[in-house]
Amino acid sequence: MFVSGPSDTFVKRSPQAHPDFFAAEATGLHWLGEAGAPVVRVLGHGPTHIELERLIAAHPTLPAARRFGRVLARMHNGGAAGFGAPPVGSDGAPFPGRLFIGARPMSNSVHRTWGEFYAAERVLPFLRIAVDAGTVTPTEAATVESACRRVAGGDFDDAEPPSRIHGDLWSGNVFWTEAGVVMIDPAAHGGHRETDLAMLALFGCPFMDGIVDGYETVHPLRAGWRERIPLHQLHPLAVHAAGHGRSYGVALHTAAVAVENI
């Protein structure tokens, strides 16, 4: 993938992109923005490109982090049709194509419970790729699968409805500007709100405590959410183990052990 465009726009191009790739990104940005989220503005897109407004970077600040936490909570409160539900476009219809996290395909199958969805659609498919790639050993995979059985069995389900989540909210997709945080590159779908927060924590995010403080003024988190961070990091770690090397396989196994001990 490469980027181009005049000074006030940012164009991502990929002649080999899946036909749904850029449409999924555009629809996800629309859906998140519809719930009041600060997202990069889409100026146009086609099968091989997406054109976005160009953002000007600024230093992170604590007030901006707190504001971001508040709008993130409101975005989550926007809800979704189900766990795994795809984003909804400007025409009011659910996105009919394939979803992606980074360049990897991601399902849009909807499940009755979060645990069933998360294990079957967000962890195990990427675990299998990682095992085939040799970045997760069979012994480590057995531990991850054991943790997923607990997840799918409902051990971590709660009464919360599906949230409207970014889905790939690591710090690199949190763009700090003078006006505040702008989110980019979503893998938007219906999920659990703690997943976005766990991904923010995965690689570290400036003023993370401020983000959480702001978030909880709008929608307090359930007791024990910090203990559940490894649970919600199984998905991004499995994705990274599938394509970014052995160290992520080790980290995935470590997170699975932590889940087994919750």
Protein backbone atom coordinates (compact mmCIF):
# COMPACT_ATOMS: atom_id res chain seq x y z
CA MET A 1 0.00 0.00 0.00
CA PHE A 2 1.23 3.52 -0.72
CA VAL A 3 -0.05 7.03 -0.04
CA SER A 4 -0.27 10.17 -2.12
CA GLY A 5 -2.43 13.25 -2.55
CA PRO A 6 -2.29 17.04 -2.41
CA SER A 7 -1.28 18.80 0.78
CA ASP A 8 -4.81 18.87 2.20
CA THR A 9 -5.70 15.23 1.50
CA PHE A 10 -4.29 11.80 2.22
CA VAL A 11 -4.85 9.04 -0.33
CA LYS A 12 -4.16 5.38 0.38
CA ARG A 13 -3.87 3.20 -2.70
CA SER A 14 -3.51 -0.53 -3.19
CA PRO A 15 -4.09 -1.99 -6.67
CA GLN A 16 -4.16 -5.48 -5.12
CA ALA A 17 -6.69 -4.63 -2.40
CA HIS A 18 -9.70 -6.85 -1.85
CA PRO A 19 -12.76 -5.16 -3.44
CA ASP A 20 -14.30 -4.66 0.02
CA PHE A 21 -11.18 -3.33 1.72
CA PHE A 22 -11.54 0.43 1.35
CA ALA A 23 -15.35 0.33 1.38
CA ALA A 24 -15.21 -1.40 4.77
CA GLU A 25 -12.92 1.33 6.11
CA ALA A 26 -15.16 4.10 4.79
CA THR A 27 -18.31 2.49 6.18
CA GLY A 28 -16.67 1.91 9.55
CA LEU A 29 -15.61 5.55 9.79
CA HIS A 30 -19.12 6.70 8.90
CA TRP A 31 -20.69 4.41 11.50
CA LEU A 32 -18.37 5.49 14.29
CA GLY A 33 -18.75 9.15 13.36
CA GLU A 34 -22.53 8.79 13.38
CA ALA A 35 -22.25 8.05 17.10
CA GLY A 36 -20.34 11.27 17.70
CA ALA A 37 -16.83 9.85 17.47
CA PRO A 38 -14.01 12.08 16.20
CA VAL A 39 -12.95 10.21 13.06
CA VAL A 40 -10.98 11.21 10.00
CA ARG A 41 -13.24 12.54 7.25
CA VAL A 42 -13.66 10.40 4.14
CA LEU A 43 -13.57 12.43 0.92
CA GLY A 44 -14.02 9.52 -1.45
CA HIS A 45 -13.16 5.89 -2.04
CA GLY A 46 -13.09 3.18 -4.68
CA PRO A 47 -11.98 -0.44 -5.06
CA THR A 48 -8.28 0.48 -4.97
CA HIS A 49 -8.13 3.67 -2.89
CA ILE A 50 -9.56 5.84 -0.14
CA GLU A 51 -9.13 9.62 0.09
CA LEU A 52 -9.13 11.17 3.55
CA GLU A 53 -8.64 14.61 5.01
CA ARG A 54 -5.01 15.20 5.94
CA LEU A 55 -4.50 15.52 9.69
CA ILE A 56 -1.85 17.71 11.32
CA ALA A 57 -0.18 16.10 14.32
CA ALA A 58 0.08 17.79 17.71
CA HIS A 59 1.44 16.77 21.09
CA PRO A 60 -0.88 14.70 23.30
CA THR A 61 -2.30 16.51 26.32
CA LEU A 62 -4.19 15.40 29.41
CA PRO A 63 -7.28 17.55 28.66
CA ALA A 64 -7.45 16.08 25.14
CA ALA A 65 -7.13 12.57 26.59
CA ARG A 66 -10.02 13.17 28.97
CA ARG A 67 -12.18 14.55 26.15
CA PHE A 68 -11.32 11.52 24.06
CA GLY A 69 -12.36 9.20 26.88
CA ARG A 70 -15.74 10.89 27.07
CA VAL A 71 -16.45 10.70 23.34
CA LEU A 72 -15.19 7.10 23.20
CA ALA A 73 -17.75 6.14 25.84
CA ARG A 74 -20.51 7.89 23.89
CA MET A 75 -19.44 6.08 20.73
CA HIS A 76 -19.63 2.74 22.51
CA ASN A 77 -23.07 3.69 23.79
CA GLY A 78 -24.16 4.09 20.16
CA GLY A 79 -24.56 0.33 20.15
CA ALA A 80 -24.67 -2.30 17.42
CA ALA A 81 -27.17 -4.80 16.06
CA GLY A 82 -25.32 -7.72 17.63
CA PHE A 83 -21.95 -9.14 18.61
CA GLY A 84 -19.99 -9.27 15.39
CA ALA A 85 -22.44 -7.06 13.48
CA PRO A 86 -20.85 -5.06 10.66
CA PRO A 87 -20.94 -1.26 10.51
CA VAL A 88 -23.94 0.44 8.96
CA GLY A 89 -23.51 2.75 5.98
CA SER A 90 -25.05 6.10 5.13
CA ASP A 91 -27.84 4.22 3.34
CA GLY A 92 -28.88 2.61 6.62
CA ALA A 93 -27.86 -0.87 5.48
CA PRO A 94 -25.30 -3.10 7.21
CA PHE A 95 -22.05 -3.40 5.27
CA PRO A 96 -22.54 -6.54 3.16
CA GLY A 97 -18.93 -7.37 2.41
CA ARG A 98 -15.88 -8.64 4.21
CA LEU A 99 -14.39 -6.79 7.18
CA PHE A 100 -10.68 -6.37 7.87
CA ILE A 101 -8.26 -5.77 10.70
CA GLY A 102 -5.18 -4.35 9.08
CA ALA A 103 -4.91 -6.32 5.87
CA ARG A 104 -6.36 -9.52 7.34
CA PRO A 105 -9.96 -10.54 6.60
CA MET A 106 -12.31 -10.60 9.57
CA SER A 107 -15.77 -12.15 9.72
CA ASN A 108 -19.04 -10.27 10.13
CA SER A 109 -20.96 -13.24 11.54
CA VAL A 110 -23.33 -12.23 14.33
CA HIS A 111 -23.60 -14.30 17.52
CA ARG A 112 -26.08 -14.36 20.36
CA THR A 113 -23.47 -13.86 23.07
CA TRP A 114 -20.19 -11.98 23.23
CA GLY A 115 -18.21 -15.01 24.38
CA GLU A 116 -19.34 -17.19 21.47
CA PHE A 117 -18.57 -14.41 19.01
CA TYR A 118 -15.19 -13.45 20.45
CA ALA A 119 -13.78 -16.97 20.63
CA ALA A 120 -15.14 -18.20 17.29
CA GLU A 121 -14.67 -15.10 15.15
CA ARG A 122 -11.89 -13.02 16.69
CA VAL A 123 -9.41 -15.38 18.35
CA LEU A 124 -9.49 -18.92 16.96
CA PRO A 125 -9.32 -18.06 13.22
CA PHE A 126 -6.12 -16.07 13.75
CA LEU A 127 -4.71 -18.65 16.15
CA ARG A 128 -4.92 -21.27 13.40
CA ILE A 129 -3.00 -19.01 11.01
CA ALA A 130 -0.35 -18.40 13.68
CA VAL A 131 0.07 -22.13 14.35
CA ASP A 132 0.48 -22.80 10.63
CA ALA A 133 3.03 -19.97 10.46
CA GLY A 134 5.01 -21.49 13.33
CA THR A 135 4.68 -18.47 15.62
CA VAL A 136 2.56 -20.37 18.17
CA THR A 137 3.56 -23.85 19.31
CA PRO A 138 1.00 -26.67 19.60
CA THR A 139 1.36 -26.57 23.39
CA GLU A 140 0.74 -22.83 23.47
CA ALA A 141 -2.20 -23.22 21.10
CA ALA A 142 -3.77 -25.75 23.46
CA THR A 143 -3.67 -23.15 26.25
CA VAL A 144 -5.27 -20.51 24.03
CA GLU A 145 -7.95 -22.99 22.96
CA SER A 146 -8.64 -23.83 26.60
CA ALA A 147 -9.07 -20.14 27.40
CA CYS A 148 -11.39 -19.80 24.40
CA ARG A 149 -13.56 -22.63 25.69
CA ARG A 150 -14.11 -20.62 28.87
CA VAL A 151 -14.85 -17.52 26.82
CA ALA A 152 -17.27 -19.31 24.48
CA GLY A 153 -18.91 -21.02 27.43
CA GLY A 154 -19.97 -17.66 28.83
CA ASP A 155 -17.61 -17.34 31.79
CA PHE A 156 -17.01 -13.68 30.94
CA ASP A 157 -20.37 -12.72 29.47
CA ASP A 158 -22.25 -9.95 31.22
CA ALA A 159 -25.47 -8.02 30.83
CA GLU A 160 -23.95 -5.31 28.62
CA PRO A 161 -25.42 -4.95 25.12
CA PRO A 162 -23.20 -4.92 22.02
CA SER A 163 -21.11 -1.76 21.80
CA ARG A 164 -20.12 0.18 18.70
CA ILE A 165 -16.36 -0.39 18.79
CA HIS A 166 -13.42 0.80 16.70
CA GLY A 167 -11.99 -2.71 16.78
CA ASP A 168 -8.33 -1.83 16.13
CA LEU A 169 -7.80 0.96 18.64
CA TRP A 170 -4.09 0.67 19.27
CA SER A 171 -2.20 3.91 19.89
CA GLY A 172 -1.15 4.18 16.23
CA ASN A 173 -4.79 4.66 15.27
CA VAL A 174 -5.24 7.45 17.83
CA PHE A 175 -4.13 10.61 16.02
CA TRP A 176 -3.51 13.63 18.24
CA THR A 177 -4.31 17.02 16.67
CA GLU A 178 -4.66 20.56 18.06
CA ALA A 179 -8.43 19.99 18.17
CA GLY A 180 -8.07 16.69 20.03
CA VAL A 181 -7.90 13.00 19.19
CA VAL A 182 -9.06 11.77 15.78
CA MET A 183 -9.48 8.04 15.20
CA ILE A 184 -8.27 6.41 11.99
CA ASP A 185 -8.13 2.92 10.39
CA PRO A 186 -11.03 1.19 12.16
CA ALA A 187 -12.03 -2.46 12.12
CA ALA A 188 -15.48 -1.38 13.28
CA HIS A 189 -18.08 -3.90 14.44
CA GLY A 190 -20.38 -4.75 17.31
CA GLY A 191 -18.31 -5.95 20.25
CA HIS A 192 -17.52 -5.38 23.91
CA ARG A 193 -16.43 -1.90 24.92
CA GLU A 194 -13.60 -3.24 27.09
CA THR A 195 -11.94 -4.54 23.90
CA ASP A 196 -11.18 -1.02 22.66
CA LEU A 197 -9.73 -0.04 26.03
CA ALA A 198 -7.62 -3.19 26.21
CA MET A 199 -6.20 -2.49 22.77
CA LEU A 200 -5.33 1.06 23.81
CA ALA A 201 -3.39 -0.46 26.70
CA LEU A 202 -1.64 -3.11 24.57
CA PHE A 203 1.15 -0.94 23.16
CA GLY A 204 0.69 1.98 25.53
CA CYS A 205 -1.19 5.20 24.84
CA PRO A 206 -0.31 8.69 26.08
CA PHE A 207 -2.34 9.75 29.11
CA MET A 208 -4.13 6.40 29.30
CA ASP A 209 -5.30 7.11 32.84
CA GLY A 210 -6.79 10.39 31.64
CA ILE A 211 -8.66 8.58 28.86
CA VAL A 212 -10.11 6.15 31.40
CA ASP A 213 -11.00 8.98 33.80
CA GLY A 214 -12.91 10.78 31.05
CA TYR A 215 -14.55 7.56 29.92
CA GLU A 216 -15.89 6.75 33.36
CA THR A 217 -17.56 10.16 33.72
CA VAL A 218 -19.88 9.04 30.89
CA HIS A 219 -20.10 5.26 31.35
CA PRO A 220 -18.36 3.71 34.37
CA LEU A 221 -16.54 0.45 33.71
CA ARG A 222 -17.53 -2.75 35.47
CA ALA A 223 -15.50 -3.83 38.48
CA GLY A 224 -12.51 -5.96 37.51
CA TRP A 225 -12.05 -4.51 34.03
CA ARG A 226 -8.29 -4.16 34.46
CA GLU A 227 -8.04 -7.84 35.38
CA ARG A 228 -9.88 -8.66 32.15
CA ILE A 229 -7.46 -6.74 29.91
CA PRO A 230 -5.61 -9.95 28.86
CA LEU A 231 -8.97 -11.45 27.85
CA HIS A 232 -9.66 -8.58 25.48
CA GLN A 233 -6.10 -8.63 24.17
CA LEU A 234 -6.39 -12.21 22.91
CA HIS A 235 -7.77 -10.95 19.59
CA PRO A 236 -5.10 -8.37 18.71
CA LEU A 237 -2.33 -10.65 19.95
CA ALA A 238 -3.65 -13.53 17.82
CA VAL A 239 -3.78 -11.20 14.80
CA HIS A 240 -0.20 -10.10 15.42
CA ALA A 241 0.98 -13.66 16.04
CA ALA A 242 -0.51 -14.59 12.67
CA GLY A 243 1.74 -12.18 10.81
CA HIS A 244 4.31 -10.40 12.96
CA GLY A 245 6.51 -13.03 14.50
CA ARG A 246 7.19 -15.35 17.36
CA SER A 247 7.22 -12.73 20.12
CA TYR A 248 3.50 -12.19 19.65
CA GLY A 249 2.89 -15.91 19.90
CA VAL A 250 4.58 -15.87 23.29
CA ALA A 251 2.53 -12.82 24.33
CA LEU A 252 -0.68 -14.53 23.18
CA HIS A 253 0.12 -17.57 25.30
CA THR A 254 0.88 -15.35 28.31
CA ALA A 255 -2.47 -13.60 27.92
CA ALA A 256 -4.27 -16.95 27.65
CA VAL A 257 -2.64 -18.14 30.87
CA ALA A 258 -3.84 -14.95 32.56
CA VAL A 259 -7.38 -15.58 31.28
CA GLU A 260 -7.28 -19.12 32.64
CA ASN A 261 -6.43 -17.65 36.05
CA ILE A 262 -9.20 -15.04 36.19
